[in-house]
Amino acid sequence: MPPPRSYKSPLTGYENAPPLPTEKAEDGKSLLNIQTGVLSKAYDEFPEPLDNGRRGAFDIHIYHLPNHPVQAQYAAELHQRIRHEFPELRIYTFWAKPVGPHPVAMFEVNIFTPAQFGAFVGWLAVWRGPLSVLIHPNTTEKTTKEGGEIEEAEKEARNHTERAIWMGERVLLNTDLFWEAMEH
């Protein structure tokens, strides 16, 4: 089990920013924000420690129950549709059995850019049908057993749980596999 940890403040880098206005925007509901004319860098590149390299910043696992005919057929059709509509993404094998920490059948899609994330996740919200989806980051923290850095198992467990985003019903992952792999 990973040890408890503290979190860096999300306001790091904004300590000297001017106070934000409290008035409402034109719609009467949302808050008025100060427009600077400069968009966040996150529109063009994922923030650290997300992997902007070969592995891709996000893995998207689309789950189905192989013994549930409607889900299995829908998942197979969705897999084909994704390959047709998003050929620029890395799309893996359609598994009809559990693989790794994933306790049910699934297939995986990798996301490399913020634009791909926005396009694919928005599309998937409409087209995932009866299927559950895990969206987890791939991060590049250094992994060592000493020196205050985290172990690979802790990084993978955190990415698959604490940093995960779910669409549909959450599937309980076997994160013990990450720790068992580190012991061998």
N, C-alpha and C. Protein backbone atom coordinates (compact mmCIF):
# COMPACT_ATOMS: atom_id res chain seq x y z
N MET A 1 0.84 -1.18 0.00
CA MET A 1 0.00 0.00 0.00
C MET A 1 0.89 1.24 0.00
N PRO A 2 0.59 2.22 -0.85
CA PRO A 2 1.43 3.42 -0.88
C PRO A 2 1.32 4.22 0.42
N PRO A 3 2.40 4.87 0.80
CA PRO A 3 2.36 5.69 2.02
C PRO A 3 1.54 6.96 1.78
N PRO A 4 0.99 7.55 2.88
CA PRO A 4 0.27 8.82 2.70
C PRO A 4 1.24 9.90 2.21
N ARG A 5 0.74 10.85 1.48
CA ARG A 5 1.63 11.90 0.95
C ARG A 5 0.93 13.25 1.00
N SER A 6 1.74 14.26 0.84
CA SER A 6 1.20 15.61 0.78
C SER A 6 1.12 16.04 -0.68
N TYR A 7 0.39 17.09 -0.92
CA TYR A 7 0.20 17.57 -2.28
C TYR A 7 0.71 18.99 -2.41
N LYS A 8 1.35 19.26 -3.52
CA LYS A 8 1.81 20.61 -3.84
C LYS A 8 0.57 21.48 -4.07
N SER A 9 0.59 22.70 -3.59
CA SER A 9 -0.55 23.60 -3.76
C SER A 9 -0.80 23.87 -5.24
N PRO A 10 -2.06 23.83 -5.67
CA PRO A 10 -2.36 24.18 -7.06
C PRO A 10 -2.14 25.67 -7.36
N LEU A 11 -1.92 26.46 -6.32
CA LEU A 11 -1.66 27.90 -6.53
C LEU A 11 -0.17 28.21 -6.66
N THR A 12 0.69 27.18 -6.68
CA THR A 12 2.13 27.41 -6.88
C THR A 12 2.33 28.15 -8.19
N GLY A 13 3.06 29.25 -8.13
CA GLY A 13 3.28 30.10 -9.31
C GLY A 13 2.30 31.26 -9.40
N TYR A 14 1.27 31.24 -8.57
CA TYR A 14 0.26 32.30 -8.58
C TYR A 14 0.21 33.04 -7.24
N GLU A 15 1.25 32.87 -6.44
CA GLU A 15 1.27 33.48 -5.11
C GLU A 15 1.12 35.00 -5.15
N ASN A 16 1.65 35.65 -6.18
CA ASN A 16 1.61 37.11 -6.29
C ASN A 16 0.57 37.61 -7.29
N ALA A 17 -0.33 36.73 -7.69
CA ALA A 17 -1.37 37.12 -8.66
C ALA A 17 -2.33 38.09 -7.98
N PRO A 18 -2.92 39.00 -8.76
CA PRO A 18 -3.89 39.94 -8.17
C PRO A 18 -5.13 39.18 -7.70
N PRO A 19 -5.86 39.74 -6.74
CA PRO A 19 -7.08 39.09 -6.27
C PRO A 19 -8.07 38.92 -7.41
N LEU A 20 -8.82 37.84 -7.36
CA LEU A 20 -9.82 37.58 -8.40
C LEU A 20 -11.11 38.33 -8.07
N PRO A 21 -11.80 38.81 -9.10
CA PRO A 21 -13.06 39.52 -8.86
C PRO A 21 -14.13 38.56 -8.33
N THR A 22 -15.07 39.08 -7.60
CA THR A 22 -16.16 38.27 -7.05
C THR A 22 -17.48 38.49 -7.79
N GLU A 23 -17.47 39.42 -8.77
CA GLU A 23 -18.72 39.66 -9.49
C GLU A 23 -19.03 38.52 -10.46
N LYS A 24 -20.32 38.48 -10.80
CA LYS A 24 -20.81 37.45 -11.72
C LYS A 24 -20.62 37.91 -13.16
N ALA A 25 -20.47 36.94 -14.05
CA ALA A 25 -20.36 37.21 -15.49
C ALA A 25 -21.74 37.53 -16.05
N GLU A 26 -21.80 37.79 -17.34
CA GLU A 26 -23.03 38.18 -18.02
C GLU A 26 -24.18 37.19 -17.82
N ASP A 27 -23.84 35.90 -17.71
CA ASP A 27 -24.90 34.90 -17.56
C ASP A 27 -25.55 34.94 -16.18
N GLY A 28 -24.97 35.71 -15.25
CA GLY A 28 -25.53 35.85 -13.92
C GLY A 28 -25.23 34.68 -12.98
N LYS A 29 -24.51 33.67 -13.45
CA LYS A 29 -24.22 32.48 -12.63
C LYS A 29 -22.72 32.30 -12.42
N SER A 30 -21.98 32.33 -13.52
CA SER A 30 -20.54 32.07 -13.42
C SER A 30 -19.80 33.32 -12.94
N LEU A 31 -18.59 33.10 -12.46
CA LEU A 31 -17.77 34.22 -11.98
C LEU A 31 -17.05 34.91 -13.13
N LEU A 32 -16.87 36.19 -13.03
CA LEU A 32 -16.13 36.97 -13.99
C LEU A 32 -14.64 36.70 -13.81
N ASN A 33 -13.98 36.30 -14.88
CA ASN A 33 -12.54 36.05 -14.83
C ASN A 33 -11.80 37.12 -15.61
N ILE A 34 -10.62 37.46 -15.16
CA ILE A 34 -9.79 38.46 -15.83
C ILE A 34 -9.18 37.81 -17.07
N GLN A 35 -9.50 38.35 -18.24
CA GLN A 35 -8.96 37.82 -19.49
C GLN A 35 -7.61 38.47 -19.76
N THR A 36 -6.60 37.63 -20.03
CA THR A 36 -5.25 38.16 -20.27
C THR A 36 -4.88 38.13 -21.75
N GLY A 37 -5.67 37.41 -22.55
CA GLY A 37 -5.33 37.25 -23.96
C GLY A 37 -4.33 36.13 -24.20
N VAL A 38 -3.90 35.46 -23.15
CA VAL A 38 -2.94 34.36 -23.26
C VAL A 38 -3.62 33.09 -22.75
N LEU A 39 -3.66 32.06 -23.59
CA LEU A 39 -4.25 30.79 -23.18
C LEU A 39 -3.24 29.97 -22.37
N SER A 40 -3.74 29.11 -21.55
CA SER A 40 -2.90 28.21 -20.78
C SER A 40 -2.06 27.35 -21.72
N LYS A 41 -0.83 27.05 -21.33
CA LYS A 41 0.04 26.16 -22.11
C LYS A 41 -0.57 24.76 -22.20
N ALA A 42 -1.47 24.42 -21.28
CA ALA A 42 -2.09 23.10 -21.26
C ALA A 42 -2.95 22.83 -22.50
N TYR A 43 -3.30 23.87 -23.27
CA TYR A 43 -4.02 23.66 -24.52
C TYR A 43 -3.12 23.01 -25.57
N ASP A 44 -1.81 23.25 -25.47
CA ASP A 44 -0.87 22.76 -26.47
C ASP A 44 -0.06 21.55 -26.02
N GLU A 45 0.14 21.43 -24.73
CA GLU A 45 1.00 20.37 -24.21
C GLU A 45 0.53 20.00 -22.81
N PHE A 46 0.58 18.71 -22.51
CA PHE A 46 0.17 18.27 -21.18
C PHE A 46 1.18 18.75 -20.14
N PRO A 47 0.71 19.12 -18.94
CA PRO A 47 1.63 19.59 -17.90
C PRO A 47 2.45 18.42 -17.32
N GLU A 48 3.61 18.75 -16.79
CA GLU A 48 4.41 17.74 -16.10
C GLU A 48 3.65 17.32 -14.85
N PRO A 49 3.70 16.07 -14.46
CA PRO A 49 4.58 15.02 -14.94
C PRO A 49 3.94 14.12 -16.00
N LEU A 50 2.89 14.56 -16.71
CA LEU A 50 2.30 13.73 -17.76
C LEU A 50 3.32 13.48 -18.86
N ASP A 51 3.27 12.29 -19.43
CA ASP A 51 4.24 11.87 -20.44
C ASP A 51 3.85 12.45 -21.80
N ASN A 52 4.61 13.43 -22.26
CA ASN A 52 4.39 14.03 -23.58
C ASN A 52 5.18 13.30 -24.66
N GLY A 53 5.75 12.15 -24.32
CA GLY A 53 6.59 11.41 -25.25
C GLY A 53 5.91 10.22 -25.89
N ARG A 54 6.72 9.22 -26.18
CA ARG A 54 6.32 8.03 -26.94
C ARG A 54 5.20 7.22 -26.26
N ARG A 55 5.19 7.15 -24.94
CA ARG A 55 4.16 6.35 -24.26
C ARG A 55 2.78 6.99 -24.38
N GLY A 56 2.73 8.31 -24.40
CA GLY A 56 1.46 9.02 -24.43
C GLY A 56 1.03 9.42 -23.04
N ALA A 57 0.34 10.53 -22.93
CA ALA A 57 -0.04 11.07 -21.62
C ALA A 57 -1.17 10.31 -20.96
N PHE A 58 -2.06 9.69 -21.74
CA PHE A 58 -3.20 8.99 -21.17
C PHE A 58 -3.44 7.66 -21.85
N ASP A 59 -3.80 6.67 -21.04
CA ASP A 59 -4.31 5.39 -21.52
C ASP A 59 -5.80 5.40 -21.24
N ILE A 60 -6.57 4.92 -22.20
CA ILE A 60 -8.01 4.81 -22.02
C ILE A 60 -8.37 3.34 -22.20
N HIS A 61 -8.88 2.73 -21.14
CA HIS A 61 -9.27 1.32 -21.15
C HIS A 61 -10.79 1.25 -21.22
N ILE A 62 -11.29 0.56 -22.22
CA ILE A 62 -12.73 0.44 -22.44
C ILE A 62 -13.11 -1.00 -22.11
N TYR A 63 -13.91 -1.17 -21.05
CA TYR A 63 -14.22 -2.49 -20.50
C TYR A 63 -15.52 -3.06 -21.02
N HIS A 64 -15.55 -4.40 -21.10
CA HIS A 64 -16.80 -5.09 -21.40
C HIS A 64 -16.78 -6.46 -20.72
N LEU A 65 -17.97 -6.98 -20.47
CA LEU A 65 -18.09 -8.32 -19.91
C LEU A 65 -18.20 -9.30 -21.08
N PRO A 66 -17.21 -10.18 -21.27
CA PRO A 66 -17.21 -11.06 -22.44
C PRO A 66 -18.37 -12.05 -22.46
N ASN A 67 -18.94 -12.38 -21.28
CA ASN A 67 -20.06 -13.31 -21.24
C ASN A 67 -21.41 -12.59 -21.29
N HIS A 68 -21.38 -11.28 -21.55
CA HIS A 68 -22.60 -10.48 -21.72
C HIS A 68 -22.68 -10.15 -23.22
N PRO A 69 -23.51 -10.88 -23.97
CA PRO A 69 -23.51 -10.75 -25.43
C PRO A 69 -23.69 -9.32 -25.95
N VAL A 70 -24.57 -8.56 -25.32
CA VAL A 70 -24.81 -7.19 -25.79
C VAL A 70 -23.56 -6.33 -25.60
N GLN A 71 -22.94 -6.41 -24.41
CA GLN A 71 -21.72 -5.64 -24.15
C GLN A 71 -20.57 -6.08 -25.06
N ALA A 72 -20.40 -7.40 -25.20
CA ALA A 72 -19.29 -7.91 -26.01
C ALA A 72 -19.42 -7.45 -27.47
N GLN A 73 -20.63 -7.52 -28.01
CA GLN A 73 -20.83 -7.08 -29.40
C GLN A 73 -20.63 -5.58 -29.52
N TYR A 74 -21.19 -4.82 -28.57
CA TYR A 74 -21.05 -3.36 -28.63
C TYR A 74 -19.57 -2.97 -28.54
N ALA A 75 -18.84 -3.62 -27.65
CA ALA A 75 -17.41 -3.31 -27.49
C ALA A 75 -16.63 -3.62 -28.76
N ALA A 76 -16.93 -4.76 -29.39
CA ALA A 76 -16.24 -5.13 -30.64
C ALA A 76 -16.54 -4.11 -31.73
N GLU A 77 -17.79 -3.68 -31.82
CA GLU A 77 -18.16 -2.68 -32.82
C GLU A 77 -17.53 -1.32 -32.52
N LEU A 78 -17.49 -0.95 -31.24
CA LEU A 78 -16.88 0.32 -30.85
C LEU A 78 -15.38 0.31 -31.16
N HIS A 79 -14.72 -0.81 -30.90
CA HIS A 79 -13.30 -0.96 -31.22
C HIS A 79 -13.06 -0.70 -32.71
N GLN A 80 -13.88 -1.31 -33.56
CA GLN A 80 -13.75 -1.09 -35.01
C GLN A 80 -14.01 0.37 -35.37
N ARG A 81 -15.06 0.95 -34.79
CA ARG A 81 -15.40 2.34 -35.10
C ARG A 81 -14.25 3.27 -34.73
N ILE A 82 -13.66 3.06 -33.55
CA ILE A 82 -12.53 3.90 -33.11
C ILE A 82 -11.37 3.77 -34.08
N ARG A 83 -11.10 2.56 -34.54
CA ARG A 83 -10.00 2.37 -35.50
C ARG A 83 -10.28 3.09 -36.81
N HIS A 84 -11.53 3.15 -37.22
CA HIS A 84 -11.89 3.88 -38.45
C HIS A 84 -11.82 5.39 -38.23
N GLU A 85 -12.41 5.86 -37.13
CA GLU A 85 -12.57 7.30 -36.91
C GLU A 85 -11.32 7.99 -36.35
N PHE A 86 -10.50 7.26 -35.60
CA PHE A 86 -9.32 7.84 -34.96
C PHE A 86 -8.06 7.05 -35.28
N PRO A 87 -7.71 6.89 -36.56
CA PRO A 87 -6.54 6.07 -36.91
C PRO A 87 -5.21 6.64 -36.40
N GLU A 88 -5.20 7.92 -36.05
CA GLU A 88 -3.97 8.55 -35.55
C GLU A 88 -3.65 8.14 -34.11
N LEU A 89 -4.63 7.57 -33.41
CA LEU A 89 -4.40 7.14 -32.03
C LEU A 89 -3.80 5.73 -32.03
N ARG A 90 -3.11 5.38 -30.95
CA ARG A 90 -2.60 4.01 -30.80
C ARG A 90 -3.72 3.19 -30.18
N ILE A 91 -4.17 2.18 -30.91
CA ILE A 91 -5.29 1.35 -30.48
C ILE A 91 -4.80 -0.09 -30.39
N TYR A 92 -4.99 -0.70 -29.23
CA TYR A 92 -4.46 -2.04 -28.97
C TYR A 92 -5.49 -3.13 -29.26
N THR A 93 -5.03 -4.35 -29.07
CA THR A 93 -5.82 -5.56 -29.27
C THR A 93 -7.12 -5.55 -28.48
N PHE A 94 -8.14 -6.12 -29.06
CA PHE A 94 -9.41 -6.33 -28.39
C PHE A 94 -9.29 -7.61 -27.58
N TRP A 95 -9.28 -7.48 -26.24
CA TRP A 95 -9.12 -8.63 -25.36
C TRP A 95 -10.48 -9.15 -24.93
N ALA A 96 -10.67 -10.46 -24.97
CA ALA A 96 -11.91 -11.09 -24.53
C ALA A 96 -11.74 -11.71 -23.15
N LYS A 97 -10.67 -11.32 -22.44
CA LYS A 97 -10.40 -11.84 -21.10
C LYS A 97 -9.68 -10.75 -20.30
N PRO A 98 -9.61 -10.92 -18.98
CA PRO A 98 -8.88 -9.95 -18.16
C PRO A 98 -7.38 -9.94 -18.53
N VAL A 99 -6.78 -8.75 -18.42
CA VAL A 99 -5.35 -8.57 -18.72
C VAL A 99 -4.76 -7.65 -17.67
N GLY A 100 -3.63 -8.04 -17.08
CA GLY A 100 -2.95 -7.21 -16.09
C GLY A 100 -3.86 -6.88 -14.93
N PRO A 101 -3.88 -5.62 -14.49
CA PRO A 101 -4.71 -5.25 -13.34
C PRO A 101 -6.19 -5.11 -13.68
N HIS A 102 -6.54 -5.30 -14.94
CA HIS A 102 -7.91 -5.10 -15.41
C HIS A 102 -8.69 -6.41 -15.24
N PRO A 103 -9.70 -6.44 -14.34
CA PRO A 103 -10.37 -7.69 -14.00
C PRO A 103 -11.43 -8.18 -14.99
N VAL A 104 -11.69 -7.39 -16.02
CA VAL A 104 -12.63 -7.80 -17.06
C VAL A 104 -11.99 -7.52 -18.41
N ALA A 105 -12.62 -8.03 -19.45
CA ALA A 105 -12.11 -7.84 -20.81
C ALA A 105 -12.09 -6.36 -21.17
N MET A 106 -11.18 -6.00 -22.09
CA MET A 106 -11.07 -4.58 -22.44
C MET A 106 -10.23 -4.40 -23.69
N PHE A 107 -10.19 -3.16 -24.17
CA PHE A 107 -9.19 -2.75 -25.14
C PHE A 107 -8.70 -1.37 -24.72
N GLU A 108 -7.56 -0.99 -25.25
CA GLU A 108 -6.88 0.24 -24.80
C GLU A 108 -6.61 1.17 -25.98
N VAL A 109 -6.72 2.46 -25.69
CA VAL A 109 -6.40 3.52 -26.65
C VAL A 109 -5.45 4.48 -25.95
N ASN A 110 -4.39 4.92 -26.66
CA ASN A 110 -3.45 5.90 -26.09
C ASN A 110 -3.69 7.27 -26.69
N ILE A 111 -3.56 8.30 -25.83
CA ILE A 111 -3.76 9.70 -26.20
C ILE A 111 -2.44 10.44 -26.05
N PHE A 112 -2.07 11.24 -27.05
CA PHE A 112 -0.77 11.91 -27.07
C PHE A 112 -0.82 13.43 -26.93
N THR A 113 -1.96 14.05 -27.26
CA THR A 113 -2.02 15.51 -27.23
C THR A 113 -3.31 15.98 -26.54
N PRO A 114 -3.29 17.20 -26.01
CA PRO A 114 -4.53 17.74 -25.44
C PRO A 114 -5.68 17.78 -26.45
N ALA A 115 -5.38 18.06 -27.71
CA ALA A 115 -6.44 18.10 -28.73
C ALA A 115 -7.05 16.71 -28.92
N GLN A 116 -6.21 15.68 -28.95
CA GLN A 116 -6.73 14.31 -29.06
C GLN A 116 -7.58 13.96 -27.85
N PHE A 117 -7.11 14.35 -26.66
CA PHE A 117 -7.86 14.07 -25.44
C PHE A 117 -9.25 14.69 -25.51
N GLY A 118 -9.31 15.98 -25.84
CA GLY A 118 -10.60 16.67 -25.92
C GLY A 118 -11.51 16.06 -26.96
N ALA A 119 -10.98 15.75 -28.13
CA ALA A 119 -11.80 15.19 -29.20
C ALA A 119 -12.26 13.78 -28.86
N PHE A 120 -11.34 12.92 -28.41
CA PHE A 120 -11.69 11.52 -28.20
C PHE A 120 -12.57 11.33 -26.95
N VAL A 121 -12.23 11.98 -25.86
CA VAL A 121 -13.02 11.79 -24.63
C VAL A 121 -14.43 12.36 -24.83
N GLY A 122 -14.55 13.48 -25.49
CA GLY A 122 -15.88 14.02 -25.80
C GLY A 122 -16.68 13.07 -26.68
N TRP A 123 -16.03 12.52 -27.69
CA TRP A 123 -16.66 11.56 -28.59
C TRP A 123 -17.08 10.30 -27.82
N LEU A 124 -16.18 9.83 -26.95
CA LEU A 124 -16.43 8.61 -26.19
C LEU A 124 -17.58 8.79 -25.19
N ALA A 125 -17.75 9.99 -24.67
CA ALA A 125 -18.88 10.25 -23.76
C ALA A 125 -20.21 9.96 -24.45
N VAL A 126 -20.27 10.19 -25.75
CA VAL A 126 -21.47 9.94 -26.53
C VAL A 126 -21.57 8.48 -26.96
N TRP A 127 -20.43 7.87 -27.33
CA TRP A 127 -20.44 6.56 -27.98
C TRP A 127 -20.08 5.37 -27.08
N ARG A 128 -19.74 5.56 -25.80
CA ARG A 128 -19.31 4.41 -24.99
C ARG A 128 -20.44 3.44 -24.69
N GLY A 129 -21.70 3.88 -24.85
CA GLY A 129 -22.84 2.99 -24.66
C GLY A 129 -22.87 2.40 -23.27
N PRO A 130 -23.03 1.06 -23.15
CA PRO A 130 -23.15 0.42 -21.85
C PRO A 130 -21.80 0.10 -21.19
N LEU A 131 -20.72 0.59 -21.76
CA LEU A 131 -19.39 0.19 -21.32
C LEU A 131 -18.79 1.16 -20.30
N SER A 132 -17.99 0.63 -19.39
CA SER A 132 -17.24 1.45 -18.44
C SER A 132 -15.89 1.79 -19.04
N VAL A 133 -15.38 2.97 -18.69
CA VAL A 133 -14.12 3.45 -19.25
C VAL A 133 -13.23 4.00 -18.14
N LEU A 134 -11.99 3.54 -18.13
CA LEU A 134 -10.96 4.08 -17.24
C LEU A 134 -10.03 4.95 -18.07
N ILE A 135 -9.86 6.20 -17.65
CA ILE A 135 -8.90 7.11 -18.28
C ILE A 135 -7.85 7.38 -17.22
N HIS A 136 -6.62 6.95 -17.47
CA HIS A 136 -5.57 7.19 -16.47
C HIS A 136 -4.34 7.81 -17.12
N PRO A 137 -3.66 8.67 -16.37
CA PRO A 137 -2.46 9.31 -16.91
C PRO A 137 -1.26 8.38 -16.89
N ASN A 138 -0.31 8.66 -17.73
CA ASN A 138 1.02 8.06 -17.67
C ASN A 138 1.95 9.20 -17.27
N THR A 139 2.67 9.01 -16.17
CA THR A 139 3.50 10.09 -15.66
C THR A 139 4.98 9.70 -15.71
N THR A 140 5.81 10.72 -15.61
CA THR A 140 7.25 10.53 -15.80
C THR A 140 8.07 10.80 -14.55
N GLU A 141 7.44 10.72 -13.35
CA GLU A 141 8.24 10.89 -12.14
C GLU A 141 9.38 9.88 -12.14
N LYS A 142 10.51 10.29 -11.59
CA LYS A 142 11.62 9.35 -11.45
C LYS A 142 11.23 8.29 -10.44
N THR A 143 11.64 7.07 -10.68
CA THR A 143 11.28 5.99 -9.77
C THR A 143 12.53 5.33 -9.21
N THR A 144 12.72 5.45 -7.93
CA THR A 144 13.81 4.79 -7.22
C THR A 144 13.30 4.38 -5.85
N LYS A 145 14.02 3.49 -5.20
CA LYS A 145 13.61 3.08 -3.86
C LYS A 145 14.17 4.01 -2.79
N GLU A 146 15.19 4.77 -3.12
CA GLU A 146 15.80 5.67 -2.14
C GLU A 146 15.81 7.09 -2.70
N GLY A 147 16.07 8.04 -1.84
CA GLY A 147 16.22 9.42 -2.30
C GLY A 147 14.92 10.18 -2.38
N GLY A 148 13.85 9.65 -1.79
CA GLY A 148 12.62 10.41 -1.75
C GLY A 148 11.74 10.30 -2.98
N GLU A 149 12.20 9.64 -4.03
CA GLU A 149 11.37 9.48 -5.21
C GLU A 149 10.44 8.27 -5.02
N ILE A 150 9.45 8.14 -5.86
CA ILE A 150 8.49 7.05 -5.69
C ILE A 150 8.93 5.81 -6.47
N GLU A 151 8.45 4.67 -6.04
CA GLU A 151 8.71 3.42 -6.74
C GLU A 151 7.78 3.32 -7.94
N GLU A 152 8.19 2.53 -8.94
CA GLU A 152 7.39 2.32 -10.14
C GLU A 152 6.00 1.80 -9.78
N ALA A 153 5.92 0.86 -8.83
CA ALA A 153 4.63 0.30 -8.43
C ALA A 153 3.72 1.38 -7.86
N GLU A 154 4.28 2.26 -7.03
CA GLU A 154 3.47 3.33 -6.45
C GLU A 154 2.98 4.28 -7.53
N LYS A 155 3.86 4.61 -8.48
CA LYS A 155 3.48 5.50 -9.58
C LYS A 155 2.34 4.89 -10.39
N GLU A 156 2.48 3.63 -10.78
CA GLU A 156 1.44 2.98 -11.58
C GLU A 156 0.14 2.84 -10.80
N ALA A 157 0.23 2.46 -9.52
CA ALA A 157 -0.98 2.35 -8.70
C ALA A 157 -1.67 3.70 -8.59
N ARG A 158 -0.92 4.76 -8.35
CA ARG A 158 -1.49 6.11 -8.24
C ARG A 158 -2.14 6.52 -9.56
N ASN A 159 -1.46 6.26 -10.67
CA ASN A 159 -2.01 6.65 -11.97
C ASN A 159 -3.31 5.91 -12.29
N HIS A 160 -3.40 4.64 -11.86
CA HIS A 160 -4.58 3.83 -12.15
C HIS A 160 -5.73 4.04 -11.15
N THR A 161 -5.47 4.74 -10.04
CA THR A 161 -6.51 4.91 -9.02
C THR A 161 -6.72 6.37 -8.68
N GLU A 162 -5.81 6.94 -7.94
CA GLU A 162 -5.95 8.31 -7.44
C GLU A 162 -6.07 9.35 -8.56
N ARG A 163 -5.33 9.17 -9.62
CA ARG A 163 -5.36 10.13 -10.73
C ARG A 163 -6.31 9.72 -11.84
N ALA A 164 -7.06 8.65 -11.66
CA ALA A 164 -7.93 8.10 -12.71
C ALA A 164 -9.21 8.91 -12.86
N ILE A 165 -9.75 8.84 -14.05
CA ILE A 165 -11.05 9.42 -14.39
C ILE A 165 -11.92 8.27 -14.90
N TRP A 166 -13.15 8.20 -14.43
CA TRP A 166 -14.04 7.12 -14.84
C TRP A 166 -15.24 7.66 -15.61
N MET A 167 -15.65 6.89 -16.62
CA MET A 167 -16.91 7.11 -17.33
C MET A 167 -17.72 5.84 -17.11
N GLY A 168 -18.95 5.97 -16.66
CA GLY A 168 -19.75 4.79 -16.37
C GLY A 168 -19.39 4.23 -15.01
N GLU A 169 -19.70 2.96 -14.81
CA GLU A 169 -19.44 2.31 -13.53
C GLU A 169 -17.94 2.08 -13.33
N ARG A 170 -17.47 2.34 -12.14
CA ARG A 170 -16.07 2.10 -11.80
C ARG A 170 -15.83 0.60 -11.67
N VAL A 171 -14.71 0.13 -12.20
CA VAL A 171 -14.32 -1.27 -12.12
C VAL A 171 -13.17 -1.36 -11.11
N LEU A 172 -13.29 -2.24 -10.15
CA LEU A 172 -12.25 -2.40 -9.14
C LEU A 172 -11.04 -3.10 -9.76
N LEU A 173 -9.90 -2.41 -9.82
CA LEU A 173 -8.68 -2.95 -10.42
C LEU A 173 -7.88 -3.76 -9.41
N ASN A 174 -7.10 -4.70 -9.92
CA ASN A 174 -6.21 -5.47 -9.07
C ASN A 174 -4.85 -4.76 -9.01
N THR A 175 -4.77 -3.71 -8.21
CA THR A 175 -3.52 -2.94 -8.12
C THR A 175 -2.44 -3.68 -7.35
N ASP A 176 -2.78 -4.78 -6.67
CA ASP A 176 -1.74 -5.60 -6.02
C ASP A 176 -0.72 -6.09 -7.04
N LEU A 177 -1.14 -6.25 -8.29
CA LEU A 177 -0.21 -6.71 -9.32
C LEU A 177 0.97 -5.76 -9.49
N PHE A 178 0.77 -4.47 -9.32
CA PHE A 178 1.88 -3.52 -9.44
C PHE A 178 2.93 -3.80 -8.38
N TRP A 179 2.48 -4.02 -7.15
CA TRP A 179 3.40 -4.26 -6.04
C TRP A 179 4.06 -5.62 -6.16
N GLU A 180 3.30 -6.64 -6.59
CA GLU A 180 3.87 -7.97 -6.77
C GLU A 180 4.96 -7.96 -7.83
N ALA A 181 4.76 -7.20 -8.89
CA ALA A 181 5.77 -7.11 -9.94
C ALA A 181 7.06 -6.49 -9.41
N MET A 182 6.96 -5.55 -8.49
CA MET A 182 8.14 -4.91 -7.91
C MET A 182 8.91 -5.85 -7.00
N GLU A 183 8.23 -6.82 -6.41
CA GLU A 183 8.88 -7.74 -5.50
C GLU A 183 9.70 -8.80 -6.23
N HIS A 184 9.47 -8.98 -7.51
CA HIS A 184 10.19 -10.01 -8.28
C HIS A 184 11.34 -9.44 -9.05
